Protein backbone atom coordinates (compact mmCIF):
# COMPACT_ATOMS: atom_id res chain seq x y z
CA MET A 1 -0.07 -0.26 0.02
CA ALA A 2 1.34 3.64 -0.98
CA ASN A 3 0.47 6.68 0.51
CA THR A 4 -0.15 10.00 -1.59
CA VAL A 5 1.29 13.03 0.34
CA SER A 6 -1.39 16.07 -0.25
CA ASP A 7 0.37 19.45 -1.01
CA SER A 8 -1.58 21.05 1.80
CA GLY A 9 1.57 20.89 4.06
CA LEU A 10 1.98 24.62 4.57
CA ARG A 11 -2.34 24.92 5.70
CA PRO A 12 -1.35 24.01 9.63
CA GLU A 13 1.47 26.89 9.47
CA LEU A 14 -0.92 28.86 8.90
CA TRP A 15 -4.02 27.99 10.86
CA GLN A 16 -1.92 28.14 13.86
CA LYS A 17 -0.84 32.08 12.81
CA VAL A 18 -4.52 32.46 12.36
CA LEU A 19 -5.44 30.31 15.66
CA TYR A 20 -2.64 32.33 17.82
CA LYS A 21 -4.12 35.79 16.67
CA ASN A 22 -7.84 34.82 16.92
CA VAL A 23 -7.26 33.76 20.20
CA LYS A 24 -5.29 36.27 21.75
CA ASP A 25 -7.45 39.07 19.61
CA ASN A 26 -10.66 37.49 21.17
CA LEU A 27 -9.18 36.86 24.87
CA TYR A 28 -11.31 38.43 27.77
CA PHE A 29 -7.88 39.36 29.52
CA SER A 30 -6.13 40.59 26.12
CA LYS A 31 -6.42 43.97 27.15
CA PHE A 32 -4.93 42.90 30.62
CA MET A 33 -2.29 41.33 29.46
CA GLY A 34 1.79 42.18 28.23
CA THR A 35 5.50 41.07 28.41
CA GLY A 36 6.70 43.86 30.81
CA ASP A 37 5.57 43.38 34.79
CA SER A 38 3.46 46.41 34.94
CA ASN A 39 0.19 43.77 33.60
CA ILE A 40 -1.85 42.30 35.27
CA ILE A 41 -0.98 38.88 33.49
CA GLN A 42 2.61 38.87 32.65
CA ILE A 43 3.40 36.85 29.83
CA LYS A 44 6.67 35.31 29.53
CA GLU A 45 8.19 34.08 26.37
CA ASP A 46 11.66 32.48 27.52
CA LEU A 47 10.45 28.91 26.39
CA LYS A 48 10.02 30.55 22.35
CA LYS A 49 13.62 30.49 22.09
CA ASP A 50 14.83 27.91 24.31
CA ARG A 51 13.61 24.27 25.39
CA GLY A 52 12.53 23.73 28.49
CA ASP A 53 9.58 22.58 30.90
CA THR A 54 9.46 25.70 33.42
CA ILE A 55 10.15 29.67 33.81
CA THR A 56 11.62 31.81 36.51
CA VAL A 57 9.88 35.22 37.32
CA PRO A 58 12.15 37.34 39.76
CA LEU A 59 10.42 39.11 42.16
CA THR A 60 12.36 42.10 44.03
CA THR A 61 10.63 44.63 46.86
CA LYS A 62 11.13 48.43 46.70
CA LEU A 63 13.80 50.34 49.07
CA ILE A 64 12.46 51.24 52.35
CA GLY A 65 14.69 52.33 54.29
CA ASN A 66 15.51 56.02 55.28
CA GLY A 67 19.16 56.54 53.63
CA ILE A 68 21.96 58.37 54.69
CA THR A 69 21.81 62.38 55.35
CA GLY A 70 24.99 64.83 55.40
CA ASP A 71 28.40 63.42 55.37
CA ASP A 72 27.82 60.02 57.54
CA GLU A 73 29.27 57.27 55.83
CA LEU A 74 27.28 55.46 52.59
CA GLU A 75 29.87 52.71 52.04
CA GLY A 76 29.42 50.10 54.59
CA ASN A 77 25.23 51.36 55.17
CA GLU A 78 23.91 49.90 51.70
CA GLU A 79 20.61 48.83 51.59
CA ALA A 80 19.56 44.98 50.56
CA ILE A 81 17.05 44.37 47.66
CA SER A 82 14.52 41.73 48.84
CA ALA A 83 14.36 39.31 45.89
CA TYR A 84 12.24 35.91 45.60
CA SER A 85 11.26 33.97 43.09
CA ASP A 86 8.52 31.94 41.52
CA SER A 87 8.86 29.29 38.90
CA ILE A 88 6.02 28.43 36.18
CA ALA A 89 5.81 24.69 34.83
CA ILE A 90 4.21 23.93 30.81
CA ASP A 91 1.48 21.59 29.95
CA GLN A 92 0.05 20.69 26.89
CA VAL A 93 -4.01 19.99 26.51
CA ARG A 94 -5.73 19.19 23.28
CA ASN A 95 -9.06 18.99 22.00
CA ALA A 96 -10.26 17.89 18.14
CA VAL A 97 -13.17 17.53 15.64
CA ARG A 98 -13.22 14.88 12.88
CA MET A 99 -15.89 15.20 10.32
CA THR A 100 -18.25 12.63 9.14
CA GLY A 101 -17.55 12.36 5.74
CA GLU A 102 -17.47 14.04 2.37
CA LEU A 103 -21.67 13.00 2.19
CA ASP A 104 -22.38 14.91 4.89
CA GLU A 105 -20.35 18.48 4.32
CA GLN A 106 -22.10 18.20 0.98
CA THR A 107 -25.29 17.69 2.13
CA ASN A 108 -24.89 20.69 5.04
CA VAL A 109 -25.96 24.18 3.93
CA TYR A 110 -22.42 25.63 6.35
CA ASP A 111 -19.01 25.18 5.83
CA MET A 112 -18.50 22.62 8.11
CA ARG A 113 -14.40 22.68 8.23
CA SER A 114 -14.31 26.50 8.86
CA ASP A 115 -16.96 26.28 11.76
CA ALA A 116 -15.03 23.29 12.94
CA LYS A 117 -11.67 25.39 13.47
CA ASP A 118 -14.02 28.59 14.35
CA LYS A 119 -14.98 26.29 17.37
CA LEU A 120 -11.70 24.86 18.06
CA SER A 121 -10.30 28.25 18.52
CA MET A 122 -13.19 28.96 20.76
CA TRP A 123 -12.21 26.16 23.08
CA ALA A 124 -8.64 27.20 23.12
CA GLN A 125 -9.83 30.98 24.25
CA GLU A 126 -12.20 29.83 26.79
CA TYR A 127 -10.24 26.95 28.11
CA LEU A 128 -7.39 29.78 29.02
CA GLU A 129 -9.93 32.44 30.35
CA ARG A 130 -11.28 29.41 32.76
CA GLN A 131 -7.46 28.69 33.67
CA PHE A 132 -6.71 32.57 34.64
CA PHE A 133 -9.65 32.44 36.78
CA LEU A 134 -9.13 28.97 38.47
CA LYS A 135 -5.49 30.21 39.17
CA LEU A 136 -5.80 33.72 40.08
CA GLY A 137 -8.96 32.44 42.69
CA GLY A 138 -6.73 29.65 44.06
CA VAL A 139 -9.27 27.23 43.27
CA ASN A 140 -8.33 23.59 42.95
CA ASN A 141 -11.86 21.91 43.77
CA THR A 142 -12.73 19.45 40.66
CA SER A 143 -15.90 19.30 41.64
CA LEU A 144 -16.34 22.90 40.91
CA THR A 145 -19.54 24.14 38.81
CA ASP A 146 -20.94 27.37 37.43
CA VAL A 147 -24.18 29.18 38.39
CA ALA A 148 -26.01 26.64 36.10
CA GLY A 149 -24.79 23.12 37.50
CA ASN A 150 -22.21 22.82 34.81
CA VAL A 151 -18.64 21.39 36.42
CA VAL A 152 -15.66 24.00 35.27
CA GLY A 153 -13.10 22.54 37.92
CA THR A 154 -11.87 19.29 35.85
CA ARG A 155 -8.80 21.03 34.63
CA ALA A 156 -8.24 23.36 37.90
CA ALA A 157 -4.91 21.77 38.25
CA TRP A 158 -3.38 21.91 34.21
CA SER A 159 -0.06 23.14 34.04
CA ASN A 160 0.29 24.18 37.98
CA ALA A 161 -1.09 23.42 40.91
CA PRO A 162 -2.68 26.87 42.20
CA ALA A 163 -1.56 28.66 45.26
CA ARG A 164 -4.21 28.12 47.34
CA VAL A 165 -5.82 31.24 50.14
CA PRO A 166 -3.95 30.10 53.49
CA ASN A 167 -6.85 28.52 55.80
CA ASP A 168 -6.03 30.29 58.72
CA ASP A 169 -7.09 33.44 56.92
CA ILE A 170 -10.24 31.92 55.10
CA GLY A 171 -11.05 31.00 58.95
CA ALA A 172 -10.53 34.39 60.12
CA GLY A 173 -12.07 36.47 57.32
CA TYR A 174 -9.11 38.48 56.75
CA GLY A 175 -5.37 38.15 55.50
CA ASP A 176 -2.38 39.80 53.92
CA ARG A 177 -4.17 38.91 50.25
CA TYR A 178 -7.94 37.99 51.22
CA LEU A 179 -10.92 39.50 52.62
CA CYS A 180 -14.40 38.11 53.21
CA ALA A 181 -17.22 40.05 53.59
CA ASP A 182 -18.03 38.41 57.28
CA TYR A 183 -13.97 39.91 57.75
CA SER A 184 -15.17 39.44 61.54
CA ASN A 185 -15.85 35.61 61.57
CA GLY A 186 -14.64 34.10 58.78
CA LEU A 187 -16.18 32.04 55.17
CA ASP A 188 -17.81 29.21 57.81
CA SER A 189 -20.19 32.12 59.07
CA LEU A 190 -20.40 33.84 55.95
CA ALA A 191 -24.58 34.24 55.90
CA ALA A 192 -26.66 34.71 52.39
CA THR A 193 -27.05 38.54 53.66
CA ASP A 194 -23.29 39.12 53.15
CA LEU A 195 -23.28 40.80 49.89
CA ILE A 196 -20.62 42.62 47.86
CA THR A 197 -20.53 46.30 48.85
CA PRO A 198 -18.44 49.09 48.09
CA GLU A 199 -16.98 49.43 51.72
CA LEU A 200 -15.92 46.13 50.99
CA ILE A 201 -14.30 46.65 47.70
CA SER A 202 -12.31 49.85 49.49
CA ARG A 203 -11.29 47.61 52.29
CA ALA A 204 -9.82 45.50 50.10
CA LYS A 205 -7.93 47.85 48.46
CA VAL A 206 -6.43 49.60 51.39
CA LYS A 207 -5.09 46.42 52.14
CA ALA A 208 -3.34 45.88 48.53
CA GLU A 209 -1.97 49.18 49.23
CA THR A 210 -0.68 48.99 52.96
CA LYS A 211 2.34 46.97 53.78
CA GLN A 212 1.50 44.08 56.20
CA ALA A 213 3.27 43.36 59.35
CA ASN A 214 5.13 40.44 57.70
CA GLY A 215 6.86 42.04 55.41
CA MET A 216 4.42 41.65 52.72
CA PRO A 217 5.29 44.14 50.00
CA THR A 218 2.23 46.36 49.15
CA MET A 219 0.56 44.98 45.82
CA ARG A 220 1.80 46.72 42.85
CA PRO A 221 -1.18 49.21 41.03
CA ILE A 222 -1.86 49.54 37.54
CA LYS A 223 -0.59 53.21 36.18
CA ILE A 224 -3.36 54.23 33.54
CA ASP A 225 -2.88 58.24 32.90
CA GLY A 226 -0.86 58.86 35.93
CA GLU A 227 -3.22 57.43 38.60
CA ASN A 228 -3.02 54.38 40.58
CA HIS A 229 -5.48 51.66 39.78
CA TYR A 230 -6.82 48.08 40.64
CA VAL A 231 -8.83 45.82 38.56
CA LEU A 232 -11.97 43.96 40.76
CA PHE A 233 -13.65 41.12 38.90
CA ILE A 234 -16.86 39.90 39.90
CA HIS A 235 -19.58 37.24 38.90
CA PRO A 236 -22.55 38.65 37.17
CA TRP A 237 -24.30 38.11 40.39
CA GLN A 238 -22.59 39.66 42.40
CA ALA A 239 -22.67 42.49 40.10
CA PHE A 240 -26.40 42.28 40.52
CA ASP A 241 -25.57 43.21 44.19
CA LEU A 242 -23.68 45.96 43.46
CA LYS A 243 -25.96 47.79 40.96
CA ASN A 244 -28.44 47.77 43.29
CA ASN A 245 -26.50 48.91 46.66
CA ALA A 246 -27.11 52.65 47.11
CA THR A 247 -23.91 54.15 47.43
CA TYR A 248 -22.80 52.23 44.37
CA ALA A 249 -25.73 52.81 42.43
CA GLN A 250 -25.13 57.07 43.29
CA ALA A 251 -21.65 57.17 42.72
CA GLN A 252 -22.13 55.96 39.38
CA ARG A 253 -24.65 58.58 38.59
CA GLU A 254 -22.48 61.26 39.74
CA ALA A 255 -19.49 59.76 37.75
CA GLN A 256 -21.69 59.97 34.44
CA ILE A 257 -22.38 63.29 35.22
CA ARG A 258 -19.12 64.43 35.44
CA GLY A 259 -17.93 63.19 31.35
CA ARG A 260 -16.50 60.42 29.71
CA SER A 261 -12.82 61.79 30.76
CA ASN A 262 -13.51 59.70 34.17
CA PRO A 263 -11.75 56.29 34.64
CA ILE A 264 -15.05 54.03 33.37
CA PHE A 265 -13.15 51.92 30.69
CA THR A 266 -14.65 50.12 27.91
CA GLY A 267 -16.13 47.07 29.05
CA ALA A 268 -16.28 48.15 32.42
CA MET A 269 -19.05 48.12 35.03
CA GLY A 270 -18.07 51.11 36.88
CA VAL A 271 -15.21 52.44 39.24
CA TRP A 272 -15.21 53.04 43.18
CA ASP A 273 -12.35 54.27 44.54
CA ASN A 274 -9.82 54.04 42.01
CA VAL A 275 -10.91 50.36 41.54
CA ILE A 276 -12.18 49.60 38.17
CA ILE A 277 -14.72 46.52 38.09
CA HIS A 278 -15.12 44.15 35.51
CA VAL A 279 -17.82 41.63 35.10
CA HIS A 280 -16.58 38.16 34.25
CA GLU A 281 -19.07 34.71 34.36
CA TYR A 282 -15.76 32.52 35.56
CA VAL A 283 -15.44 34.44 38.33
CA PRO A 284 -15.30 31.45 41.16
CA PHE A 285 -18.43 30.13 42.35
CA LEU A 286 -18.98 27.69 45.15
CA ASP A 287 -22.23 25.58 45.44
CA ILE A 288 -21.83 23.71 48.37
CA ASP A 289 -24.32 21.35 47.78
CA VAL A 290 -22.68 19.93 44.38
CA ALA A 291 -18.67 21.02 45.44
CA GLY A 292 -18.49 20.95 48.93
CA TYR A 293 -17.99 23.54 50.94
CA ASN A 294 -14.92 25.44 49.84
CA PHE A 295 -12.63 25.93 47.44
CA TYR A 296 -10.44 22.93 47.61
CA SER A 297 -10.21 19.11 46.62
CA GLY A 298 -11.02 16.52 49.39
CA GLY A 299 -13.30 18.91 51.48
CA ALA A 300 -10.10 20.13 53.17
CA GLY A 301 -10.05 23.89 54.47
CA VAL A 302 -12.53 26.10 56.25
CA VAL A 303 -16.45 25.05 55.10
CA ALA A 304 -18.32 27.84 53.93
CA GLY A 305 -21.76 29.06 55.48
CA VAL A 306 -23.49 29.41 52.35
CA ASP A 307 -22.58 29.18 48.19
CA ALA A 308 -19.91 31.79 47.68
CA PHE A 309 -18.00 33.69 44.97
CA ARG A 310 -14.15 34.70 45.00
CA ALA A 311 -14.18 38.30 43.34
CA LEU A 312 -10.75 38.81 42.70
CA LEU A 313 -8.84 42.40 43.40
CA CYS A 314 -5.45 42.44 41.31
CA GLY A 315 -2.80 44.56 40.65
CA ALA A 316 0.88 43.89 38.62
CA GLN A 317 1.84 40.89 38.16
CA ALA A 318 -1.07 38.74 39.54
CA ALA A 319 -0.52 36.07 37.50
CA VAL A 320 1.49 34.50 34.25
CA LEU A 321 1.19 32.85 31.08
CA ALA A 322 4.42 31.04 29.59
CA THR A 323 4.35 30.51 26.21
CA THR A 324 6.22 28.26 23.97
CA LYS A 325 7.18 28.13 20.38
CA LYS A 326 3.75 25.72 20.26
CA SER A 327 1.51 27.61 22.53
CA PHE A 328 -1.34 27.43 19.97
CA ILE A 329 -1.56 24.36 17.61
CA MET A 330 -3.62 23.61 14.84
CA ARG A 331 -3.63 20.49 12.95
CA GLU A 332 -5.51 18.41 10.04
CA LYS A 333 -5.41 15.29 9.07
CA ASP A 334 -7.32 13.18 6.31
CA PHE A 335 -8.71 9.68 7.52
CA ASP A 336 -10.46 7.20 5.33
CA TYR A 337 -8.69 7.71 1.99
CA GLY A 338 -9.46 11.50 2.35
CA ASN A 339 -13.15 11.12 2.62
CA LYS A 340 -13.06 12.30 6.69
CA VAL A 341 -10.93 14.95 8.04
CA GLY A 342 -10.46 15.99 11.73
CA HIS A 343 -8.78 19.45 13.05
CA SER A 344 -7.41 19.61 16.37
CA THR A 345 -6.20 22.40 18.45
CA GLY A 346 -3.78 22.53 21.64
CA ILE A 347 -2.72 24.66 23.55
CA MET A 348 1.15 24.15 25.02
CA GLY A 349 2.11 26.50 27.62
CA GLY A 350 1.48 27.07 31.30
CA VAL A 351 -0.81 29.63 33.92
CA GLN A 352 0.02 30.34 37.22
CA LYS A 353 -0.54 32.71 40.21
CA ILE A 354 2.30 34.40 41.34
CA THR A 355 3.28 33.98 45.25
CA TYR A 356 5.42 35.81 46.78
CA ASN A 357 7.41 34.24 49.49
CA SER A 358 4.40 31.73 49.69
CA VAL A 359 2.10 34.44 49.37
CA ASP A 360 -0.54 36.13 46.45
CA TYR A 361 1.84 38.51 45.24
CA GLY A 362 -0.91 40.56 42.67
CA VAL A 363 -4.27 39.50 43.66
CA ILE A 364 -6.60 39.47 46.91
CA ALA A 365 -9.76 36.92 46.69
CA LEU A 366 -12.63 38.41 48.19
CA ASP A 367 -15.64 35.93 49.37
CA THR A 368 -18.85 37.29 49.63
CA ALA A 369 -23.25 35.95 49.07
CA ALA A 370 -25.15 37.13 46.68
CA THR A 371 -28.44 37.13 45.15
CA ALA A 372 -29.49 33.96 43.79
CA LEU A 373 -31.01 34.94 40.12
CA VAL A 374 -32.14 31.25 39.21
């Protein structure tokens, strides 16, 4: 038996470039991503040039010393820069679609091959978006669902096991990078009335911009037009509660009166206390009747009193996307003497939340209840 080589060898390379552009352009986080360390999601391209399975992200703190005055000796009194690093591993995930055959393609009124490639591109985009939210939230509960009951936590540990929010912080209701709507008693005392509020957002912002007692540095803000901002990602159900909060609603009405020069950015729900609020359905949700009583697998950790949502207040370098030469792969394969064709796509890279000395570097988790809308 002899196989005849087709002349479509260049197509996978072209499709791969199109796939990369489609995913990058349509990715929800694209406006928050870049290779510089001032982005919420930092893209690390080290493995595009060199082989390997891990990249290292260096992290340093600002200088905090008082300096030397007058003619006092500076030599021997230099200040040391506190430095740590975090490692990000890579993995691969793939998906594919195979056509039934040329007769089936002929009888359909749409281009099944183009549709398959479009759907695979969308799948890759949504897979990455889900990974960002799971990693930023420190979620590894593989039974996690969305509000409709669909299991979304299956690949929570893909590429890197997400760094957990410390159990002691969750139990207390607050920590270096954690805040619960019931910040006096903790997640186990969370009640259905403990909703997201402007006060909670401001408390989280103060936590972000204040140096902690254990030496943890402040969260670096995002600079926009010379002003410091943080970005808060909330779930649509949390957004419903915030929109119906009288204090927040009044502030947004007044902001609109002052005009479009205010920092209410494209796609944002609004701004409170220089925190830009964005809404996304992938913000982690915990259904305690389905997924257990916390965001971690195996039932380990403080149990939630009611269903909970984990909003995410982010600054610079909250997470990393490690890319490779084959970060986004698209391939085509013929079957059954060319009667059937299949398309596959894959992601080769890694996603992880950055930690500094084992503490989240650029994100604060906010656990709240929300008004049930189904």
